[in-house]
């Protein structure tokens, strides 16, 4: 799949895949170093915009190493980039630790997966089909 990308800053880095079989492409900090204070959120600029094809969505996920080793992960858990968005891709990183953490210029900050989606037509109904689970939620299926 070809995805058009526009570099908005001269030092922007195009997304890259870490391995041949990586599902997520790494996104990079194109701005200056940013220190994310403890339990706070900072917006990281990637310096790129993209044209995600219709019928697809860009999903921004945490980089596992950044999240587990340094406590930095997207504030909204999963970012959503709709196919009609043409602005800069930015990542809101939240610091889950008690110490300030600095994100350097050129550092990988998140990963982007481009996936197909189905658009639903929502219809009001007085009845829903029965299932074994029914309306059980939040732990209703047990813990083991």
N, C-alpha and C. Protein backbone atom coordinates (compact mmCIF):
# COMPACT_ATOMS: atom_id res chain seq x y z
N UNK A 1 0.85 -1.18 0.00
CA UNK A 1 0.00 0.00 0.00
C UNK A 1 0.90 1.24 0.00
N UNK A 2 0.59 2.17 -0.84
CA UNK A 2 1.33 3.42 -0.90
C UNK A 2 0.59 4.47 -0.07
N UNK A 3 1.30 5.11 0.86
CA UNK A 3 0.73 6.18 1.69
C UNK A 3 1.56 7.44 1.45
N UNK A 4 0.91 8.47 0.95
CA UNK A 4 1.61 9.74 0.70
C UNK A 4 1.91 10.42 2.03
N UNK A 5 3.15 10.91 2.15
CA UNK A 5 3.57 11.63 3.36
C UNK A 5 4.15 12.97 2.95
N UNK A 6 3.77 14.00 3.69
CA UNK A 6 4.30 15.34 3.47
C UNK A 6 5.18 15.69 4.66
N UNK A 7 6.44 16.05 4.38
CA UNK A 7 7.33 16.50 5.44
C UNK A 7 7.01 17.97 5.73
N UNK A 8 6.65 18.26 6.97
CA UNK A 8 6.29 19.61 7.36
C UNK A 8 7.48 20.38 7.92
N UNK A 9 8.51 19.66 8.31
CA UNK A 9 9.74 20.26 8.79
C UNK A 9 10.90 19.57 8.08
N UNK A 10 11.99 20.30 7.90
CA UNK A 10 13.13 19.76 7.17
C UNK A 10 13.74 18.54 7.87
N UNK A 11 13.71 18.54 9.21
CA UNK A 11 14.35 17.44 9.94
C UNK A 11 13.38 16.30 10.28
N UNK A 12 12.19 16.31 9.71
CA UNK A 12 11.23 15.23 9.97
C UNK A 12 11.77 13.92 9.42
N UNK A 13 11.52 12.83 10.16
CA UNK A 13 11.92 11.50 9.75
C UNK A 13 10.68 10.73 9.31
N UNK A 14 10.75 10.10 8.15
CA UNK A 14 9.63 9.29 7.69
C UNK A 14 9.50 8.07 8.60
N UNK A 15 8.28 7.56 8.76
CA UNK A 15 8.10 6.35 9.58
C UNK A 15 8.93 5.19 9.02
N UNK A 16 9.43 4.36 9.93
CA UNK A 16 10.23 3.21 9.52
C UNK A 16 9.74 1.98 10.27
N UNK A 17 9.93 0.81 9.64
CA UNK A 17 9.61 -0.46 10.28
C UNK A 17 10.90 -1.04 10.85
N UNK A 18 10.84 -1.49 12.10
CA UNK A 18 12.01 -2.02 12.78
C UNK A 18 12.51 -3.32 12.20
N UNK A 19 11.58 -4.16 11.73
CA UNK A 19 11.95 -5.44 11.13
C UNK A 19 11.06 -5.69 9.93
N UNK A 20 11.38 -6.72 9.20
CA UNK A 20 10.62 -7.07 8.01
C UNK A 20 9.15 -7.38 8.34
N UNK A 21 8.89 -7.91 9.53
CA UNK A 21 7.53 -8.34 9.88
C UNK A 21 6.85 -7.43 10.91
N UNK A 22 7.40 -6.26 11.15
CA UNK A 22 6.78 -5.32 12.09
C UNK A 22 5.44 -4.84 11.55
N UNK A 23 4.43 -4.82 12.42
CA UNK A 23 3.11 -4.32 12.04
C UNK A 23 3.04 -2.81 12.18
N UNK A 24 3.78 -2.27 13.15
CA UNK A 24 3.76 -0.84 13.41
C UNK A 24 5.02 -0.17 12.90
N UNK A 25 4.85 0.99 12.28
CA UNK A 25 5.97 1.80 11.81
C UNK A 25 6.30 2.83 12.88
N UNK A 26 7.58 3.00 13.17
CA UNK A 26 8.00 3.94 14.20
C UNK A 26 7.79 5.38 13.76
N UNK A 27 7.30 6.20 14.70
CA UNK A 27 7.16 7.64 14.51
C UNK A 27 8.23 8.31 15.35
N UNK A 28 8.76 9.43 14.85
CA UNK A 28 9.91 10.09 15.45
C UNK A 28 9.58 11.52 15.92
N UNK A 29 10.27 11.95 16.97
CA UNK A 29 10.19 13.33 17.43
C UNK A 29 10.99 14.20 16.46
N UNK A 30 10.31 15.10 15.76
CA UNK A 30 11.02 15.97 14.80
C UNK A 30 11.36 17.32 15.40
N UNK A 31 10.85 17.60 16.60
CA UNK A 31 11.12 18.87 17.24
C UNK A 31 12.32 18.79 18.16
N UNK A 32 12.50 19.82 18.95
CA UNK A 32 13.60 19.82 19.90
C UNK A 32 13.27 18.87 21.05
N UNK A 33 14.26 18.63 21.90
CA UNK A 33 14.05 17.76 23.05
C UNK A 33 12.89 18.27 23.90
N UNK A 34 12.10 17.33 24.43
CA UNK A 34 10.95 17.67 25.26
C UNK A 34 11.07 16.89 26.57
N UNK A 35 11.01 17.59 27.68
CA UNK A 35 10.99 16.92 28.98
C UNK A 35 9.55 16.78 29.43
N UNK A 36 9.15 15.54 29.65
CA UNK A 36 7.79 15.26 30.10
C UNK A 36 7.86 15.11 31.62
N UNK A 37 7.19 16.00 32.30
CA UNK A 37 7.20 16.01 33.77
C UNK A 37 6.44 14.81 34.32
N UNK A 38 6.73 14.44 35.58
CA UNK A 38 6.03 13.30 36.19
C UNK A 38 4.51 13.46 36.14
N UNK A 39 3.83 12.43 35.75
CA UNK A 39 2.36 12.36 35.72
C UNK A 39 1.75 13.48 34.88
N UNK A 40 2.50 13.93 33.88
CA UNK A 40 2.03 14.99 32.98
C UNK A 40 2.08 14.48 31.55
N UNK A 41 1.48 15.24 30.65
CA UNK A 41 1.42 14.89 29.24
C UNK A 41 2.03 16.00 28.41
N UNK A 42 2.84 15.65 27.42
CA UNK A 42 3.42 16.61 26.48
C UNK A 42 3.14 16.14 25.06
N UNK A 43 2.94 17.10 24.17
CA UNK A 43 2.70 16.78 22.77
C UNK A 43 4.03 16.76 22.03
N UNK A 44 4.27 15.65 21.32
CA UNK A 44 5.50 15.47 20.56
C UNK A 44 5.15 15.63 19.08
N UNK A 45 5.91 16.48 18.39
CA UNK A 45 5.67 16.74 16.97
C UNK A 45 6.48 15.77 16.11
N UNK A 46 5.82 15.17 15.12
CA UNK A 46 6.53 14.28 14.20
C UNK A 46 7.00 15.01 12.95
N UNK A 47 6.41 16.17 12.66
CA UNK A 47 6.81 16.92 11.48
C UNK A 47 6.31 16.34 10.17
N UNK A 48 5.34 15.42 10.25
CA UNK A 48 4.80 14.82 9.02
C UNK A 48 3.28 14.88 9.03
N UNK A 49 2.72 14.90 7.84
CA UNK A 49 1.28 14.71 7.61
C UNK A 49 1.18 13.58 6.60
N UNK A 50 0.06 12.89 6.59
CA UNK A 50 -0.07 11.79 5.64
C UNK A 50 -1.48 11.67 5.11
N UNK A 51 -1.58 10.97 3.99
CA UNK A 51 -2.86 10.73 3.33
C UNK A 51 -3.19 9.24 3.46
N UNK A 52 -3.89 8.93 4.54
CA UNK A 52 -4.29 7.54 4.77
C UNK A 52 -5.44 7.22 3.82
N UNK A 53 -5.35 6.11 3.09
CA UNK A 53 -6.40 5.79 2.12
C UNK A 53 -7.78 5.63 2.76
N UNK A 54 -8.82 5.95 2.01
CA UNK A 54 -10.19 5.75 2.48
C UNK A 54 -10.39 4.27 2.82
N UNK A 55 -11.14 4.00 3.88
CA UNK A 55 -11.37 2.64 4.31
C UNK A 55 -10.31 2.13 5.27
N UNK A 56 -9.33 2.98 5.58
CA UNK A 56 -8.27 2.64 6.51
C UNK A 56 -8.20 3.70 7.60
N UNK A 57 -7.57 3.34 8.71
CA UNK A 57 -7.36 4.26 9.82
C UNK A 57 -5.93 4.08 10.30
N UNK A 58 -5.31 5.15 10.72
CA UNK A 58 -3.99 5.07 11.34
C UNK A 58 -4.18 4.98 12.85
N UNK A 59 -3.61 3.95 13.46
CA UNK A 59 -3.70 3.78 14.91
C UNK A 59 -2.32 3.96 15.52
N UNK A 60 -2.22 4.86 16.49
CA UNK A 60 -0.95 5.14 17.14
C UNK A 60 -0.91 4.42 18.47
N UNK A 61 0.10 3.56 18.62
CA UNK A 61 0.29 2.75 19.82
C UNK A 61 1.61 3.12 20.50
N UNK A 62 1.72 2.70 21.74
CA UNK A 62 2.97 2.90 22.49
C UNK A 62 4.08 2.05 21.89
N UNK A 63 5.29 2.52 22.02
CA UNK A 63 6.46 1.68 21.76
C UNK A 63 6.71 0.93 23.06
N UNK A 64 6.81 -0.37 22.99
CA UNK A 64 6.87 -1.17 24.22
C UNK A 64 8.07 -0.82 25.10
N UNK A 65 9.22 -0.59 24.51
CA UNK A 65 10.40 -0.24 25.30
C UNK A 65 10.26 1.10 26.00
N UNK A 66 9.73 2.08 25.30
CA UNK A 66 9.53 3.41 25.88
C UNK A 66 8.53 3.35 27.02
N UNK A 67 7.50 2.53 26.86
CA UNK A 67 6.46 2.43 27.90
C UNK A 67 6.95 1.65 29.11
N UNK A 68 7.62 0.52 28.89
CA UNK A 68 8.00 -0.33 30.02
C UNK A 68 9.27 0.12 30.70
N UNK A 69 10.22 0.67 29.96
CA UNK A 69 11.50 1.06 30.56
C UNK A 69 11.53 2.50 31.04
N UNK A 70 10.73 3.37 30.40
CA UNK A 70 10.79 4.79 30.76
C UNK A 70 9.44 5.36 31.18
N UNK A 71 8.38 4.56 31.11
CA UNK A 71 7.07 5.00 31.58
C UNK A 71 6.36 5.99 30.68
N UNK A 72 6.75 6.10 29.42
CA UNK A 72 6.12 7.03 28.49
C UNK A 72 5.23 6.27 27.51
N UNK A 73 3.97 6.66 27.44
CA UNK A 73 3.01 6.01 26.53
C UNK A 73 1.99 7.05 26.09
N UNK A 74 1.35 6.82 24.93
CA UNK A 74 0.33 7.77 24.48
C UNK A 74 -0.73 8.01 25.56
N UNK A 75 -1.05 9.26 25.78
CA UNK A 75 -1.99 9.64 26.83
C UNK A 75 -3.38 9.08 26.58
N UNK A 76 -3.77 8.98 25.32
CA UNK A 76 -5.10 8.47 24.99
C UNK A 76 -5.08 6.97 24.70
N UNK A 77 -4.00 6.31 25.07
CA UNK A 77 -3.80 4.86 24.91
C UNK A 77 -3.66 4.45 23.46
N UNK A 78 -4.62 4.78 22.62
CA UNK A 78 -4.51 4.53 21.18
C UNK A 78 -4.99 5.78 20.46
N UNK A 79 -4.12 6.36 19.66
CA UNK A 79 -4.50 7.52 18.87
C UNK A 79 -5.17 7.07 17.58
N UNK A 80 -6.11 7.84 17.09
CA UNK A 80 -6.83 7.52 15.87
C UNK A 80 -6.60 8.63 14.85
N UNK A 81 -6.11 8.23 13.67
CA UNK A 81 -5.92 9.18 12.57
C UNK A 81 -6.90 8.78 11.47
N UNK A 82 -7.92 9.59 11.27
CA UNK A 82 -8.91 9.32 10.25
C UNK A 82 -8.35 9.60 8.86
N UNK A 83 -8.91 8.96 7.85
CA UNK A 83 -8.38 9.08 6.49
C UNK A 83 -8.58 10.48 5.90
N UNK A 84 -9.44 11.29 6.48
CA UNK A 84 -9.63 12.65 5.95
C UNK A 84 -8.81 13.69 6.70
N UNK A 85 -7.98 13.28 7.67
CA UNK A 85 -7.13 14.23 8.41
C UNK A 85 -5.86 14.49 7.62
N UNK A 86 -5.51 15.75 7.44
CA UNK A 86 -4.32 16.11 6.69
C UNK A 86 -3.35 16.97 7.50
N UNK A 87 -3.59 17.11 8.80
CA UNK A 87 -2.69 17.90 9.63
C UNK A 87 -1.51 17.10 10.12
N UNK A 88 -0.68 17.75 10.92
CA UNK A 88 0.51 17.10 11.46
C UNK A 88 0.13 15.96 12.39
N UNK A 89 0.85 14.85 12.27
CA UNK A 89 0.69 13.73 13.18
C UNK A 89 1.45 14.10 14.45
N UNK A 90 0.76 14.12 15.57
CA UNK A 90 1.38 14.43 16.85
C UNK A 90 1.06 13.32 17.83
N UNK A 91 1.93 13.13 18.80
CA UNK A 91 1.75 12.09 19.80
C UNK A 91 1.74 12.75 21.17
N UNK A 92 0.65 12.57 21.91
CA UNK A 92 0.57 13.07 23.29
C UNK A 92 1.14 11.98 24.19
N UNK A 93 2.36 12.19 24.69
CA UNK A 93 3.00 11.20 25.56
C UNK A 93 2.75 11.55 27.02
N UNK A 94 2.34 10.56 27.78
CA UNK A 94 2.12 10.73 29.22
C UNK A 94 3.23 10.04 29.99
N UNK A 95 3.75 10.71 31.01
CA UNK A 95 4.80 10.16 31.86
C UNK A 95 4.14 9.53 33.08
N UNK A 96 4.19 8.22 33.18
CA UNK A 96 3.57 7.49 34.27
C UNK A 96 4.49 7.33 35.48
N UNK A 97 5.65 7.97 35.45
CA UNK A 97 6.63 7.81 36.53
C UNK A 97 6.64 9.02 37.45
N UNK A 98 7.47 8.94 38.48
CA UNK A 98 7.64 10.04 39.43
C UNK A 98 8.84 10.92 39.08
N UNK A 99 9.46 10.69 37.93
CA UNK A 99 10.65 11.44 37.52
C UNK A 99 10.44 12.06 36.15
N UNK A 100 11.00 13.25 35.91
CA UNK A 100 10.94 13.84 34.57
C UNK A 100 11.69 12.94 33.59
N UNK A 101 11.19 12.86 32.35
CA UNK A 101 11.82 12.04 31.32
C UNK A 101 11.92 12.87 30.05
N UNK A 102 13.08 12.87 29.44
CA UNK A 102 13.31 13.67 28.24
C UNK A 102 13.26 12.83 26.98
N UNK A 103 12.53 13.34 26.00
CA UNK A 103 12.44 12.73 24.68
C UNK A 103 13.32 13.59 23.77
N UNK A 104 14.35 12.97 23.22
CA UNK A 104 15.31 13.70 22.39
C UNK A 104 14.81 13.87 20.97
N UNK A 105 15.33 14.89 20.28
CA UNK A 105 15.04 15.08 18.87
C UNK A 105 15.51 13.85 18.10
N UNK A 106 14.68 13.34 17.20
CA UNK A 106 15.02 12.18 16.40
C UNK A 106 14.72 10.85 17.08
N UNK A 107 14.24 10.89 18.31
CA UNK A 107 13.94 9.66 19.04
C UNK A 107 12.60 9.08 18.59
N UNK A 108 12.51 7.76 18.58
CA UNK A 108 11.24 7.09 18.25
C UNK A 108 10.30 7.25 19.43
N UNK A 109 9.04 7.66 19.16
CA UNK A 109 8.11 8.00 20.25
C UNK A 109 6.84 7.16 20.28
N UNK A 110 6.49 6.53 19.19
CA UNK A 110 5.26 5.73 19.12
C UNK A 110 5.34 4.89 17.85
N UNK A 111 4.35 4.03 17.66
CA UNK A 111 4.29 3.27 16.42
C UNK A 111 2.92 3.41 15.79
N UNK A 112 2.92 3.41 14.48
CA UNK A 112 1.71 3.62 13.69
C UNK A 112 1.37 2.36 12.92
N UNK A 113 0.14 1.87 13.09
CA UNK A 113 -0.36 0.76 12.30
C UNK A 113 -1.51 1.29 11.44
N UNK A 114 -1.48 0.97 10.17
CA UNK A 114 -2.56 1.37 9.26
C UNK A 114 -3.40 0.13 8.99
N UNK A 115 -4.67 0.20 9.38
CA UNK A 115 -5.53 -0.98 9.32
C UNK A 115 -6.89 -0.64 8.67
N UNK A 116 -7.49 -1.62 8.02
CA UNK A 116 -8.83 -1.40 7.45
C UNK A 116 -9.87 -1.36 8.57
N UNK A 117 -10.97 -0.71 8.29
CA UNK A 117 -12.06 -0.69 9.26
C UNK A 117 -13.39 -0.80 8.54
N UNK A 118 -14.41 -1.19 9.27
CA UNK A 118 -15.77 -1.25 8.75
C UNK A 118 -16.58 -0.12 9.37
N UNK A 119 -17.31 0.57 8.56
CA UNK A 119 -18.17 1.64 9.06
C UNK A 119 -19.56 1.05 9.30
N UNK A 120 -20.07 1.25 10.50
CA UNK A 120 -21.36 0.65 10.88
C UNK A 120 -22.51 1.60 10.61
N UNK A 121 -23.65 1.03 10.27
CA UNK A 121 -24.91 1.75 10.24
C UNK A 121 -25.63 1.35 11.53
N UNK A 122 -25.87 2.30 12.40
CA UNK A 122 -26.49 2.01 13.69
C UNK A 122 -28.01 2.10 13.55
N UNK A 123 -28.70 1.06 14.00
CA UNK A 123 -30.15 0.97 13.88
C UNK A 123 -30.75 0.71 15.26
N UNK A 124 -31.75 1.49 15.62
CA UNK A 124 -32.44 1.29 16.89
C UNK A 124 -33.29 0.04 16.80
N UNK A 125 -33.22 -0.79 17.86
CA UNK A 125 -34.00 -2.02 17.89
C UNK A 125 -34.53 -2.23 19.30
N UNK A 126 -35.74 -2.75 19.41
CA UNK A 126 -36.31 -3.05 20.73
C UNK A 126 -35.76 -4.34 21.31
N UNK A 127 -35.22 -5.20 20.46
CA UNK A 127 -34.72 -6.50 20.90
C UNK A 127 -33.34 -6.77 20.31
N UNK A 128 -32.51 -7.47 21.09
CA UNK A 128 -31.21 -7.96 20.61
C UNK A 128 -31.21 -9.47 20.74
N UNK A 129 -30.42 -10.15 19.92
CA UNK A 129 -30.40 -11.61 19.99
C UNK A 129 -29.82 -12.07 21.33
N UNK A 130 -30.28 -13.23 21.79
CA UNK A 130 -29.81 -13.81 23.05
C UNK A 130 -28.47 -14.50 22.83
N UNK A 131 -27.62 -14.44 23.87
CA UNK A 131 -26.35 -15.17 23.87
C UNK A 131 -26.18 -15.80 25.25
N UNK A 132 -25.26 -16.74 25.37
CA UNK A 132 -24.99 -17.36 26.67
C UNK A 132 -24.51 -16.32 27.66
N UNK A 133 -23.68 -15.40 27.22
CA UNK A 133 -23.14 -14.37 28.11
C UNK A 133 -24.20 -13.35 28.49
N UNK A 134 -25.05 -13.01 27.57
CA UNK A 134 -26.09 -12.01 27.85
C UNK A 134 -25.49 -10.64 28.15
N UNK A 135 -25.96 -10.04 29.24
CA UNK A 135 -25.50 -8.69 29.58
C UNK A 135 -24.34 -8.70 30.58
N UNK A 136 -23.78 -9.88 30.85
CA UNK A 136 -22.67 -9.97 31.81
C UNK A 136 -21.44 -9.26 31.25
N UNK A 137 -20.84 -8.44 32.07
CA UNK A 137 -19.63 -7.70 31.66
C UNK A 137 -18.67 -7.58 32.83
N UNK A 138 -17.59 -6.89 32.65
CA UNK A 138 -16.61 -6.60 33.69
C UNK A 138 -16.35 -7.79 34.61
N UNK A 139 -15.69 -8.79 34.08
CA UNK A 139 -15.32 -9.95 34.88
C UNK A 139 -16.34 -11.06 34.92
N UNK A 140 -17.39 -10.96 34.16
CA UNK A 140 -18.46 -11.96 34.22
C UNK A 140 -18.03 -13.33 33.71
N UNK A 141 -16.94 -13.39 32.96
CA UNK A 141 -16.49 -14.70 32.44
C UNK A 141 -15.43 -15.34 33.34
N UNK A 142 -15.11 -14.71 34.47
CA UNK A 142 -14.14 -15.28 35.42
C UNK A 142 -12.75 -14.71 35.24
N UNK A 143 -11.83 -15.18 36.08
CA UNK A 143 -10.46 -14.67 36.03
C UNK A 143 -9.45 -15.71 35.55
N UNK A 144 -9.85 -16.98 35.47
CA UNK A 144 -8.92 -18.03 35.02
C UNK A 144 -9.56 -18.92 34.00
